[in-house]
Amino acid sequence: MMMIFVQDEHVALTSTPPMYLKCDLRTYNLLDLNNKFDVILIEPPLEEYQRTIGATNLDFWSWEQVRHLKKDHHS
């Protein structure tokens, strides 16, 4: 149980608050953030998600386009 408290304290001291960035991922280079993140949540305009909200005339992305986004220095 003590280990959980130590881990929680470490996370509280070293983590940064969540941030939000709205950008065009076709032109924005994620490497320009020049930082390390535990998680980067990307919400590309996938057709299956947009149809659930009734959008019909957007520029949809394929999973292949999402896969080719440069997300780290190892891509």
Protein backbone atom coordinates (compact mmCIF):
# COMPACT_ATOMS: atom_id res chain seq x y z
CA MET A 1 0.00 0.00 0.00
CA MET A 2 2.90 2.37 0.77
CA MET A 3 4.22 1.89 -2.78
CA ILE A 4 0.99 3.34 -4.23
CA PHE A 5 1.42 6.49 -2.15
CA VAL A 6 5.04 6.87 -3.25
CA GLN A 7 4.01 6.43 -6.88
CA ASP A 8 1.15 8.94 -6.52
CA GLU A 9 3.54 11.46 -4.98
CA HIS A 10 6.06 10.96 -7.78
CA VAL A 11 3.38 11.45 -10.45
CA ALA A 12 2.11 14.59 -8.71
CA LEU A 13 5.63 16.06 -8.64
CA THR A 14 6.68 15.18 -12.18
CA SER A 15 3.56 15.29 -14.32
CA THR A 16 2.35 18.29 -16.22
CA PRO A 17 -1.30 19.27 -16.44
CA PRO A 18 -3.22 18.17 -19.51
CA MET A 19 -3.03 20.53 -22.45
CA TYR A 20 -5.16 21.02 -25.52
CA LEU A 21 -3.97 21.95 -28.98
CA LYS A 22 -6.32 22.33 -31.93
CA CYS A 23 -4.37 22.17 -35.18
CA ASP A 24 -4.37 20.73 -38.68
CA LEU A 25 -2.36 17.54 -38.33
CA ARG A 26 -1.63 17.50 -42.06
CA THR A 27 0.53 20.61 -41.67
CA TYR A 28 1.47 20.71 -37.98
CA ASN A 29 4.56 18.74 -37.01
CA LEU A 30 3.98 17.10 -33.61
CA LEU A 31 7.75 16.94 -33.14
CA ASP A 32 7.72 20.76 -32.87
CA LEU A 33 6.23 20.33 -29.40
CA ASN A 34 9.79 19.35 -28.39
CA ASN A 35 8.61 17.62 -25.27
CA LYS A 36 7.92 14.14 -23.93
CA PHE A 37 4.37 13.09 -23.15
CA ASP A 38 2.93 10.01 -21.51
CA VAL A 39 -0.09 10.18 -23.83
CA ILE A 40 -1.02 12.15 -26.92
CA LEU A 41 -4.68 11.83 -27.84
CA ILE A 42 -5.28 12.54 -31.52
CA GLU A 43 -8.79 12.89 -32.89
CA PRO A 44 -8.51 12.86 -36.69
CA PRO A 45 -11.67 13.29 -38.78
CA LEU A 46 -12.45 9.61 -39.29
CA GLU A 47 -15.61 8.96 -41.27
CA GLU A 48 -17.03 6.40 -38.83
CA TYR A 49 -16.89 8.95 -35.98
CA GLN A 50 -18.23 11.85 -38.01
CA ARG A 51 -21.27 9.92 -39.25
CA THR A 52 -22.41 9.42 -35.65
CA ILE A 53 -22.75 13.20 -35.28
CA GLY A 54 -24.46 13.67 -38.65
CA ALA A 55 -21.58 15.23 -40.61
CA THR A 56 -21.74 14.35 -44.30
CA ASN A 57 -19.39 16.65 -46.23
CA LEU A 58 -16.10 16.73 -44.34
CA ASP A 59 -12.62 15.79 -45.51
CA PHE A 60 -12.34 12.37 -43.85
CA TRP A 61 -9.07 10.63 -43.03
CA SER A 62 -8.23 6.98 -43.55
CA TRP A 63 -6.55 4.86 -40.88
CA GLU A 64 -3.51 4.79 -43.17
CA GLN A 65 -3.19 8.59 -42.92
CA VAL A 66 -3.38 8.38 -39.13
CA ARG A 67 -0.75 5.65 -39.06
CA HIS A 68 1.69 7.82 -41.01
CA LEU A 69 1.59 10.78 -38.62
CA LYS A 70 5.01 11.43 -37.14
CA LYS A 71 4.51 11.08 -33.41
CA ASP A 72 8.00 10.59 -32.06
CA HIS A 73 11.62 10.62 -33.06
CA HIS A 74 11.44 6.91 -33.90
CA SER A 75 8.74 7.22 -36.60
